[in-house]
Protein backbone atom coordinates (compact mmCIF):
# COMPACT_ATOMS: atom_id res chain seq x y z
CA MET A 1 43.31 49.76 165.23
CA SER A 2 42.32 53.02 165.77
CA GLN A 3 42.98 55.52 162.76
CA ALA A 4 45.78 57.61 164.47
CA ILE A 5 47.58 54.55 165.53
CA LEU A 6 47.64 52.94 161.57
CA GLU A 7 48.76 56.34 160.43
CA ARG A 8 51.63 56.62 162.73
CA ARG A 9 52.43 52.87 161.95
CA SER A 10 52.30 53.94 158.24
CA GLU A 11 54.88 56.93 158.78
CA LEU A 12 57.42 54.14 160.88
CA LEU A 13 57.20 51.71 157.91
CA LYS A 14 57.59 54.35 155.38
CA ARG A 15 60.71 55.67 157.17
CA ASN A 16 62.21 52.31 157.64
CA ILE A 17 61.64 51.40 153.86
CA GLN A 18 62.84 54.39 152.50
CA GLN A 19 66.32 53.82 155.03
CA MET A 20 66.30 50.57 153.58
CA LEU A 21 66.33 51.65 150.13
CA ILE A 22 68.91 53.95 150.38
CA GLN A 23 71.09 51.62 151.89
CA ASP A 24 70.39 49.10 149.44
CA ASN A 25 71.10 51.80 146.40
CA GLN A 26 74.64 52.57 148.28
CA TYR A 27 75.94 49.56 149.55
CA GLY A 28 73.55 46.49 148.86
CA ILE A 29 71.76 44.34 151.64
CA SER A 30 71.93 41.07 152.49
CA ARG A 31 69.20 38.42 151.42
CA GLN A 32 67.95 38.81 155.01
CA GLU A 33 67.60 42.40 154.96
CA ASN A 34 66.03 41.78 151.63
CA LEU A 35 63.24 39.66 152.99
CA PHE A 36 62.55 42.15 155.96
CA LEU A 37 62.39 44.97 153.51
CA ASN A 38 59.60 42.80 151.54
CA GLN A 39 57.92 41.99 154.72
CA MET A 40 57.78 45.82 155.69
CA ILE A 41 56.37 46.71 152.37
CA LYS A 42 53.67 43.86 152.67
CA GLU A 43 52.77 45.28 156.02
CA LEU A 44 52.72 48.93 154.79
CA HIS A 45 50.30 48.12 152.05
CA GLN A 46 48.38 45.82 154.37
CA THR A 47 48.20 49.12 156.85
CA SER A 48 47.16 51.09 154.23
CA HIS A 49 44.33 49.02 153.22
CA GLU A 50 43.12 49.30 156.79
CA ILE A 51 43.51 53.09 157.01
CA ASN A 52 41.04 53.23 153.62
CA ALA A 53 38.82 50.83 155.07
CA GLY A 54 38.28 52.84 158.13
CA GLU A 55 37.53 56.20 156.17
């Protein structure tokens, strides 16, 4: 993937993770939402590695 696509993906993942964490802190999240949150964090970590490897 190109650098721009990876950076955009990273921004979207960060925004979605932030929204999920806010929801978790205010109201709690279901087990399924928690699994989804963990998957997004893993994807963000992988995307971060891909960005750093491309530089």
